[in-house]
Amino acid sequence: MDTIARFKRGERIKKSTLDAFYVALEKAGVEFIEAGPYQGDGGPGVRLKPEGQHAE
């Protein structure tokens, strides 16, 4: 939890740790959206994948 607290405070986190966060969130069903022609501003964001489409 200390790593998450440091991340929330804006402190530097190793790239390998950020990569692990990214992978864990994707496995939990989070989809990362690049900036582009989407609803609203078209900026980057996240959304939940439909049920059954995330890795277990």
N, C-alpha and C. Protein backbone atom coordinates (compact mmCIF):
# COMPACT_ATOMS: atom_id res chain seq x y z
N MET A 1 0.82 -1.20 0.00
CA MET A 1 0.00 0.00 0.00
C MET A 1 0.86 1.26 0.00
N ASP A 2 2.09 1.14 0.51
CA ASP A 2 2.96 2.30 0.53
C ASP A 2 3.24 2.80 -0.89
N THR A 3 3.39 1.87 -1.83
CA THR A 3 3.64 2.26 -3.22
C THR A 3 2.46 3.03 -3.78
N ILE A 4 1.26 2.59 -3.50
CA ILE A 4 0.06 3.29 -3.98
C ILE A 4 -0.02 4.67 -3.34
N ALA A 5 0.28 4.78 -2.07
CA ALA A 5 0.27 6.09 -1.39
C ALA A 5 1.29 7.02 -2.03
N ARG A 6 2.49 6.51 -2.32
CA ARG A 6 3.51 7.34 -2.98
C ARG A 6 3.03 7.77 -4.36
N PHE A 7 2.40 6.86 -5.10
CA PHE A 7 1.88 7.18 -6.42
C PHE A 7 0.83 8.29 -6.32
N LYS A 8 -0.08 8.17 -5.36
CA LYS A 8 -1.13 9.17 -5.18
C LYS A 8 -0.57 10.54 -4.80
N ARG A 9 0.55 10.54 -4.10
CA ARG A 9 1.20 11.81 -3.73
C ARG A 9 1.99 12.41 -4.89
N GLY A 10 2.10 11.68 -5.98
CA GLY A 10 2.82 12.18 -7.15
C GLY A 10 4.31 11.93 -7.10
N GLU A 11 4.74 11.05 -6.20
CA GLU A 11 6.16 10.73 -6.12
C GLU A 11 6.56 9.81 -7.26
N ARG A 12 7.87 9.74 -7.52
CA ARG A 12 8.37 8.89 -8.61
C ARG A 12 8.16 7.42 -8.27
N ILE A 13 7.70 6.68 -9.26
CA ILE A 13 7.48 5.24 -9.13
C ILE A 13 8.25 4.58 -10.28
N LYS A 14 8.90 3.46 -10.00
CA LYS A 14 9.66 2.75 -11.03
C LYS A 14 8.73 2.34 -12.18
N LYS A 15 9.28 2.32 -13.40
CA LYS A 15 8.51 1.93 -14.57
C LYS A 15 7.97 0.51 -14.42
N SER A 16 8.77 -0.38 -13.86
CA SER A 16 8.31 -1.77 -13.70
C SER A 16 7.09 -1.84 -12.77
N THR A 17 7.03 -0.95 -11.78
CA THR A 17 5.88 -0.91 -10.87
C THR A 17 4.65 -0.38 -11.60
N LEU A 18 4.84 0.67 -12.39
CA LEU A 18 3.71 1.21 -13.17
C LEU A 18 3.20 0.17 -14.17
N ASP A 19 4.11 -0.55 -14.79
CA ASP A 19 3.71 -1.61 -15.72
C ASP A 19 2.89 -2.68 -15.00
N ALA A 20 3.30 -3.03 -13.77
CA ALA A 20 2.56 -4.02 -12.99
C ALA A 20 1.16 -3.51 -12.64
N PHE A 21 1.02 -2.22 -12.30
CA PHE A 21 -0.30 -1.63 -12.04
C PHE A 21 -1.18 -1.77 -13.28
N TYR A 22 -0.61 -1.41 -14.43
CA TYR A 22 -1.32 -1.43 -15.70
C TYR A 22 -1.85 -2.85 -15.99
N VAL A 23 -0.98 -3.84 -15.86
CA VAL A 23 -1.35 -5.23 -16.13
C VAL A 23 -2.43 -5.69 -15.16
N ALA A 24 -2.28 -5.37 -13.88
CA ALA A 24 -3.27 -5.78 -12.87
C ALA A 24 -4.63 -5.17 -13.16
N LEU A 25 -4.65 -3.90 -13.53
CA LEU A 25 -5.93 -3.25 -13.84
C LEU A 25 -6.57 -3.85 -15.09
N GLU A 26 -5.76 -4.13 -16.11
CA GLU A 26 -6.30 -4.76 -17.32
C GLU A 26 -6.89 -6.14 -17.01
N LYS A 27 -6.21 -6.92 -16.19
CA LYS A 27 -6.72 -8.24 -15.81
C LYS A 27 -8.02 -8.13 -15.04
N ALA A 28 -8.20 -7.02 -14.33
CA ALA A 28 -9.41 -6.80 -13.55
C ALA A 28 -10.56 -6.25 -14.39
N GLY A 29 -10.29 -5.99 -15.69
CA GLY A 29 -11.35 -5.55 -16.58
C GLY A 29 -11.33 -4.08 -16.96
N VAL A 30 -10.24 -3.38 -16.66
CA VAL A 30 -10.12 -1.98 -17.03
C VAL A 30 -9.52 -1.89 -18.42
N GLU A 31 -10.10 -1.07 -19.26
CA GLU A 31 -9.59 -0.85 -20.62
C GLU A 31 -9.07 0.58 -20.71
N PHE A 32 -7.81 0.75 -21.12
CA PHE A 32 -7.22 2.07 -21.27
C PHE A 32 -7.51 2.59 -22.67
N ILE A 33 -7.98 3.83 -22.76
CA ILE A 33 -8.39 4.42 -24.03
C ILE A 33 -7.42 5.54 -24.38
N GLU A 34 -6.82 5.45 -25.55
CA GLU A 34 -5.92 6.49 -26.03
C GLU A 34 -6.74 7.72 -26.43
N ALA A 35 -6.09 8.86 -26.52
CA ALA A 35 -6.74 10.07 -27.01
C ALA A 35 -7.19 9.83 -28.45
N GLY A 36 -8.34 10.34 -28.80
CA GLY A 36 -8.83 10.14 -30.15
C GLY A 36 -10.28 10.55 -30.30
N PRO A 37 -10.88 10.17 -31.39
CA PRO A 37 -12.24 10.60 -31.71
C PRO A 37 -13.31 9.81 -30.94
N TYR A 38 -13.42 10.08 -29.64
CA TYR A 38 -14.43 9.41 -28.82
C TYR A 38 -15.45 10.45 -28.38
N GLN A 39 -16.44 10.02 -27.66
CA GLN A 39 -17.44 10.94 -27.13
C GLN A 39 -16.78 11.96 -26.22
N GLY A 40 -17.35 13.13 -26.14
CA GLY A 40 -16.80 14.16 -25.28
C GLY A 40 -15.58 14.82 -25.89
N ASP A 41 -14.59 15.06 -25.07
CA ASP A 41 -13.39 15.79 -25.51
C ASP A 41 -12.52 14.97 -26.45
N GLY A 42 -12.61 13.66 -26.36
CA GLY A 42 -11.74 12.82 -27.16
C GLY A 42 -10.39 12.59 -26.52
N GLY A 43 -10.29 12.90 -25.23
CA GLY A 43 -9.04 12.71 -24.52
C GLY A 43 -8.87 11.28 -24.04
N PRO A 44 -7.71 10.97 -23.48
CA PRO A 44 -7.47 9.62 -22.97
C PRO A 44 -8.36 9.33 -21.77
N GLY A 45 -8.56 8.05 -21.48
CA GLY A 45 -9.39 7.69 -20.34
C GLY A 45 -9.38 6.19 -20.09
N VAL A 46 -10.28 5.75 -19.26
CA VAL A 46 -10.44 4.34 -18.94
C VAL A 46 -11.91 3.99 -18.94
N ARG A 47 -12.19 2.71 -19.12
CA ARG A 47 -13.56 2.20 -18.98
C ARG A 47 -13.47 0.73 -18.60
N LEU A 48 -14.57 0.22 -18.10
CA LEU A 48 -14.62 -1.21 -17.76
C LEU A 48 -15.01 -1.99 -19.00
N LYS A 49 -14.33 -3.09 -19.23
CA LYS A 49 -14.68 -3.97 -20.34
C LYS A 49 -15.99 -4.67 -20.00
N PRO A 50 -16.76 -5.03 -21.02
CA PRO A 50 -17.99 -5.78 -20.76
C PRO A 50 -17.70 -7.08 -20.00
N GLU A 51 -18.63 -7.50 -19.19
CA GLU A 51 -18.48 -8.73 -18.39
C GLU A 51 -18.04 -9.89 -19.27
N GLY A 52 -17.08 -10.63 -18.82
CA GLY A 52 -16.60 -11.80 -19.54
C GLY A 52 -15.49 -11.52 -20.54
N GLN A 53 -15.12 -10.26 -20.72
CA GLN A 53 -14.06 -9.93 -21.69
C GLN A 53 -12.74 -9.58 -21.04
N HIS A 54 -12.60 -9.79 -19.74
CA HIS A 54 -11.32 -9.50 -19.12
C HIS A 54 -10.62 -10.79 -18.71
N ALA A 55 -9.30 -10.70 -18.63
CA ALA A 55 -8.49 -11.87 -18.29
C ALA A 55 -8.70 -12.28 -16.84
N GLU A 56 -8.58 -13.55 -16.58
CA GLU A 56 -8.74 -14.04 -15.21
C GLU A 56 -7.41 -14.46 -14.66
